[in-house]
């Protein structure tokens, strides 16, 4: 009872021990060739398209407007 009271007052934090098993059926199901095929198919996402990046809102404004030359 004291533990519950302390947790509800925020004196002690409740330990979260919830385990999820949603994806357990998928874990460890890829073969080496499946993994290699996936890596090859997604390799294009590792390359940065510099023109697209420069037009992005995440690219610093002072670099987008040519205020800075590297």
Protein backbone atom coordinates (compact mmCIF):
# COMPACT_ATOMS: atom_id res chain seq x y z
CA UNK A 1 0.00 0.00 0.00
CA UNK A 2 2.84 2.40 0.83
CA UNK A 3 4.51 1.66 -2.52
CA UNK A 4 1.28 2.46 -4.39
CA UNK A 5 0.89 5.72 -2.47
CA UNK A 6 4.49 6.77 -3.22
CA UNK A 7 4.02 5.97 -6.93
CA UNK A 8 0.78 7.96 -7.14
CA UNK A 9 2.38 10.96 -5.43
CA UNK A 10 5.40 10.79 -7.73
CA UNK A 11 7.83 10.04 -4.92
CA UNK A 12 8.77 6.69 -6.42
CA UNK A 13 8.60 6.11 -10.14
CA UNK A 14 6.78 3.02 -11.27
CA UNK A 15 9.08 0.62 -13.05
CA UNK A 16 7.87 -0.17 -16.52
CA UNK A 17 8.39 -3.80 -17.29
CA UNK A 18 5.94 -4.25 -20.13
CA UNK A 19 7.25 -6.57 -22.81
CA UNK A 20 5.81 -6.44 -26.28
CA UNK A 21 5.76 -9.44 -28.57
CA UNK A 22 4.15 -7.89 -31.65
CA UNK A 23 7.09 -8.57 -33.96
CA UNK A 24 8.44 -11.74 -32.40
CA UNK A 25 7.24 -13.78 -35.37
CA UNK A 26 9.48 -11.75 -37.70
CA UNK A 27 12.62 -11.76 -35.57
CA UNK A 28 15.34 -13.91 -37.05
CA UNK A 29 13.34 -14.96 -40.09
CA UNK A 30 15.57 -13.41 -42.77
CA UNK A 31 18.19 -15.54 -44.42
CA UNK A 32 21.58 -14.13 -45.38
CA UNK A 33 20.41 -13.77 -48.96
CA UNK A 34 17.23 -11.95 -47.82
CA UNK A 35 19.35 -9.49 -45.85
CA UNK A 36 21.73 -8.98 -48.78
CA UNK A 37 18.82 -8.42 -51.16
CA UNK A 38 17.28 -5.87 -48.79
CA UNK A 39 20.61 -4.07 -48.36
CA UNK A 40 21.06 -3.89 -52.13
CA UNK A 41 17.49 -2.68 -52.71
CA UNK A 42 17.78 0.07 -50.09
CA UNK A 43 21.36 1.19 -50.84
CA UNK A 44 20.03 4.06 -52.96
CA UNK A 45 18.63 5.63 -49.77
CA UNK A 46 22.14 5.97 -48.38
CA UNK A 47 23.12 8.43 -51.13
CA UNK A 48 22.40 12.09 -50.45
CA UNK A 49 20.88 14.06 -53.33
CA UNK A 50 22.73 17.35 -52.84
CA UNK A 51 20.45 19.36 -55.14
CA UNK A 52 17.37 18.18 -53.26
CA UNK A 53 19.05 18.87 -49.92
CA UNK A 54 19.97 22.42 -50.96
CA UNK A 55 16.31 23.15 -51.74
CA UNK A 56 15.19 21.71 -48.41
CA UNK A 57 13.93 23.85 -45.56
CA UNK A 58 16.49 22.04 -43.40
CA UNK A 59 19.41 23.44 -45.39
CA UNK A 60 20.63 26.65 -43.71
CA UNK A 61 19.19 29.78 -45.34
CA UNK A 62 22.58 31.50 -45.53
CA UNK A 63 23.91 28.59 -47.59
CA UNK A 64 20.79 28.35 -49.78
CA UNK A 65 21.10 31.97 -50.88
CA UNK A 66 24.79 31.67 -51.68
CA UNK A 67 25.94 33.80 -48.75
CA UNK A 68 28.59 31.26 -47.98
CA UNK A 69 31.01 29.48 -50.25
CA UNK A 70 32.64 26.37 -48.80
